[in-house]
N, C-alpha and C. Protein backbone atom coordinates (compact mmCIF):
# COMPACT_ATOMS: atom_id res chain seq x y z
N MET A 1 0.85 -1.18 0.00
CA MET A 1 0.00 0.00 0.00
C MET A 1 0.89 1.24 0.00
N PHE A 2 0.56 2.21 -0.84
CA PHE A 2 1.31 3.45 -0.92
C PHE A 2 0.98 4.34 0.28
N PRO A 3 1.90 5.19 0.70
CA PRO A 3 1.64 6.08 1.84
C PRO A 3 0.39 6.93 1.65
N ASN A 4 0.15 7.43 0.44
CA ASN A 4 -1.05 8.24 0.20
C ASN A 4 -2.31 7.44 0.52
N ASP A 5 -2.35 6.18 0.07
CA ASP A 5 -3.52 5.35 0.31
C ASP A 5 -3.70 5.05 1.80
N LYS A 6 -2.60 4.82 2.49
CA LYS A 6 -2.68 4.54 3.93
C LYS A 6 -3.22 5.75 4.69
N VAL A 7 -2.71 6.93 4.38
CA VAL A 7 -3.17 8.14 5.06
C VAL A 7 -4.63 8.42 4.70
N LYS A 8 -5.00 8.23 3.44
CA LYS A 8 -6.39 8.44 3.04
C LYS A 8 -7.34 7.48 3.75
N SER A 9 -6.86 6.29 4.10
CA SER A 9 -7.70 5.34 4.84
C SER A 9 -7.97 5.80 6.27
N LEU A 10 -7.22 6.79 6.75
CA LEU A 10 -7.39 7.31 8.11
C LEU A 10 -8.39 8.47 8.18
N ILE A 11 -8.97 8.87 7.05
CA ILE A 11 -9.95 9.96 7.06
C ILE A 11 -11.09 9.61 8.00
N GLY A 12 -11.43 10.56 8.86
CA GLY A 12 -12.48 10.35 9.86
C GLY A 12 -11.95 9.84 11.18
N SER A 13 -10.66 9.49 11.23
CA SER A 13 -10.03 8.98 12.44
C SER A 13 -9.22 10.07 13.13
N LYS A 14 -8.95 9.87 14.41
CA LYS A 14 -8.10 10.79 15.16
C LYS A 14 -6.65 10.41 14.90
N VAL A 15 -5.82 11.43 14.59
CA VAL A 15 -4.40 11.21 14.29
C VAL A 15 -3.54 12.22 15.04
N GLN A 16 -2.28 11.87 15.23
CA GLN A 16 -1.28 12.80 15.75
C GLN A 16 -0.29 13.08 14.63
N ILE A 17 0.11 14.35 14.51
CA ILE A 17 1.00 14.79 13.45
C ILE A 17 2.26 15.38 14.07
N GLU A 18 3.43 14.88 13.67
CA GLU A 18 4.70 15.49 14.05
C GLU A 18 5.25 16.20 12.83
N MET A 19 5.76 17.43 13.04
CA MET A 19 6.23 18.24 11.93
C MET A 19 7.70 18.59 12.08
N LYS A 20 8.35 18.92 10.96
CA LYS A 20 9.75 19.30 10.95
C LYS A 20 9.98 20.54 11.82
N GLY A 21 11.00 20.51 12.64
CA GLY A 21 11.43 21.68 13.38
C GLY A 21 10.50 22.15 14.48
N GLU A 22 9.46 21.42 14.79
CA GLU A 22 8.51 21.83 15.82
C GLU A 22 8.68 20.98 17.07
N LYS A 23 8.45 21.58 18.23
CA LYS A 23 8.59 20.87 19.50
C LYS A 23 7.24 20.43 20.04
N PHE A 24 6.22 20.53 19.21
CA PHE A 24 4.90 20.12 19.64
C PHE A 24 4.31 19.14 18.63
N THR A 25 3.25 18.47 19.05
CA THR A 25 2.51 17.53 18.21
C THR A 25 1.09 18.05 18.08
N LEU A 26 0.49 17.84 16.93
CA LEU A 26 -0.91 18.19 16.73
C LEU A 26 -1.74 16.91 16.76
N GLU A 27 -2.89 16.98 17.42
CA GLU A 27 -3.80 15.85 17.45
C GLU A 27 -5.18 16.34 17.04
N GLY A 28 -5.77 15.67 16.07
CA GLY A 28 -7.10 16.06 15.61
C GLY A 28 -7.69 15.00 14.72
N THR A 29 -8.90 15.26 14.26
CA THR A 29 -9.60 14.33 13.38
C THR A 29 -9.27 14.69 11.94
N LEU A 30 -8.79 13.69 11.20
CA LEU A 30 -8.40 13.90 9.80
C LEU A 30 -9.64 14.05 8.94
N GLU A 31 -9.76 15.19 8.28
CA GLU A 31 -10.94 15.51 7.48
C GLU A 31 -10.69 15.29 5.98
N VAL A 32 -9.55 15.78 5.47
CA VAL A 32 -9.26 15.72 4.03
C VAL A 32 -7.76 15.51 3.83
N VAL A 33 -7.40 14.73 2.79
CA VAL A 33 -6.01 14.53 2.38
C VAL A 33 -5.95 14.69 0.87
N ASP A 34 -4.91 15.37 0.37
CA ASP A 34 -4.75 15.45 -1.09
C ASP A 34 -3.53 14.64 -1.52
N ASP A 35 -3.21 14.69 -2.82
CA ASP A 35 -2.11 13.88 -3.36
C ASP A 35 -0.74 14.32 -2.87
N TYR A 36 -0.62 15.53 -2.33
CA TYR A 36 0.64 16.03 -1.80
C TYR A 36 0.74 15.81 -0.29
N LEU A 37 -0.20 15.06 0.27
CA LEU A 37 -0.32 14.78 1.71
C LEU A 37 -0.53 16.05 2.53
N ASN A 38 -1.13 17.08 1.93
CA ASN A 38 -1.60 18.20 2.73
C ASN A 38 -2.80 17.69 3.52
N LEU A 39 -2.85 18.00 4.80
CA LEU A 39 -3.90 17.46 5.67
C LEU A 39 -4.75 18.57 6.24
N HIS A 40 -6.05 18.33 6.32
CA HIS A 40 -6.96 19.22 7.02
C HIS A 40 -7.46 18.48 8.25
N LEU A 41 -7.17 19.03 9.43
CA LEU A 41 -7.59 18.45 10.70
C LEU A 41 -8.66 19.33 11.33
N ILE A 42 -9.63 18.70 11.98
CA ILE A 42 -10.63 19.44 12.74
C ILE A 42 -10.53 19.02 14.21
N ASN A 43 -11.07 19.85 15.08
CA ASN A 43 -11.01 19.60 16.53
C ASN A 43 -9.57 19.35 16.97
N THR A 44 -8.66 20.17 16.50
CA THR A 44 -7.23 19.98 16.71
C THR A 44 -6.77 20.59 18.02
N THR A 45 -5.88 19.88 18.72
CA THR A 45 -5.24 20.40 19.93
C THR A 45 -3.74 20.28 19.77
N GLU A 46 -3.03 21.18 20.45
CA GLU A 46 -1.57 21.18 20.45
C GLU A 46 -1.10 20.43 21.70
N ILE A 47 -0.13 19.54 21.53
CA ILE A 47 0.42 18.77 22.65
C ILE A 47 1.89 19.10 22.79
N VAL A 48 2.28 19.58 23.99
CA VAL A 48 3.68 19.90 24.28
C VAL A 48 4.08 19.08 25.49
N ASP A 49 5.15 18.29 25.35
CA ASP A 49 5.65 17.44 26.44
C ASP A 49 4.56 16.56 27.04
N GLY A 50 3.68 16.02 26.18
CA GLY A 50 2.64 15.11 26.62
C GLY A 50 1.40 15.77 27.21
N GLU A 51 1.36 17.09 27.30
CA GLU A 51 0.21 17.81 27.85
C GLU A 51 -0.48 18.61 26.76
N ARG A 52 -1.79 18.57 26.77
CA ARG A 52 -2.57 19.38 25.83
C ARG A 52 -2.50 20.83 26.28
N THR A 53 -1.98 21.70 25.42
CA THR A 53 -1.76 23.08 25.83
C THR A 53 -2.83 24.04 25.33
N ARG A 54 -3.32 23.85 24.09
CA ARG A 54 -4.37 24.74 23.60
C ARG A 54 -5.15 24.09 22.48
N ALA A 55 -6.39 24.53 22.34
CA ALA A 55 -7.26 24.06 21.26
C ALA A 55 -7.08 24.96 20.05
N LEU A 56 -6.89 24.37 18.88
CA LEU A 56 -6.65 25.13 17.66
C LEU A 56 -7.84 25.09 16.70
N GLY A 57 -8.71 24.11 16.83
CA GLY A 57 -9.86 23.99 15.94
C GLY A 57 -9.47 23.40 14.60
N SER A 58 -9.77 24.12 13.51
CA SER A 58 -9.50 23.65 12.16
C SER A 58 -8.09 24.06 11.74
N VAL A 59 -7.30 23.08 11.25
CA VAL A 59 -5.90 23.33 10.90
C VAL A 59 -5.58 22.67 9.56
N LEU A 60 -4.84 23.39 8.73
CA LEU A 60 -4.32 22.84 7.48
C LEU A 60 -2.82 22.68 7.64
N VAL A 61 -2.31 21.45 7.43
CA VAL A 61 -0.89 21.16 7.56
C VAL A 61 -0.34 20.83 6.18
N ARG A 62 0.69 21.53 5.79
CA ARG A 62 1.30 21.32 4.48
C ARG A 62 2.10 20.01 4.49
N GLY A 63 1.93 19.22 3.45
CA GLY A 63 2.51 17.88 3.39
C GLY A 63 4.02 17.82 3.50
N ASN A 64 4.75 18.82 2.96
CA ASN A 64 6.21 18.75 3.00
C ASN A 64 6.77 19.09 4.38
N ASN A 65 5.92 19.48 5.35
CA ASN A 65 6.37 19.75 6.72
C ASN A 65 6.10 18.59 7.67
N ILE A 66 5.49 17.54 7.17
CA ILE A 66 5.08 16.42 8.03
C ILE A 66 6.19 15.37 8.10
N ILE A 67 6.50 14.96 9.32
CA ILE A 67 7.45 13.87 9.55
C ILE A 67 6.71 12.56 9.77
N LEU A 68 5.63 12.61 10.58
CA LEU A 68 4.94 11.40 11.01
C LEU A 68 3.45 11.64 11.14
N VAL A 69 2.66 10.70 10.64
CA VAL A 69 1.21 10.68 10.86
C VAL A 69 0.93 9.40 11.63
N ASN A 70 0.43 9.55 12.86
CA ASN A 70 0.24 8.40 13.73
C ASN A 70 -1.23 8.30 14.12
N PRO A 71 -1.91 7.19 13.81
CA PRO A 71 -3.30 7.04 14.25
C PRO A 71 -3.37 6.89 15.76
N VAL A 72 -4.42 7.47 16.36
CA VAL A 72 -4.60 7.42 17.81
C VAL A 72 -5.65 6.37 18.13
N ASN A 73 -5.30 5.44 19.00
CA ASN A 73 -6.27 4.44 19.45
C ASN A 73 -7.09 5.01 20.58
N GLU A 74 -8.40 5.06 20.39
CA GLU A 74 -9.26 5.64 21.42
C GLU A 74 -9.86 4.56 22.27
């Protein structure tokens, strides 16, 4: 399975996103993915050192800044 297909299969699921050069993780529900792995997350929160620090709501993450997309088991 190609990475695009795997990430697209996570639409509607809660995921955590790690990005280049950032010291925080984003956690939210994956709403939309395109062919460049740009992601639209809803109900997004910022996690710093394992603690939820602030609610961000709707967030668009550019695909070339993403290091890791990790599904969250609820």
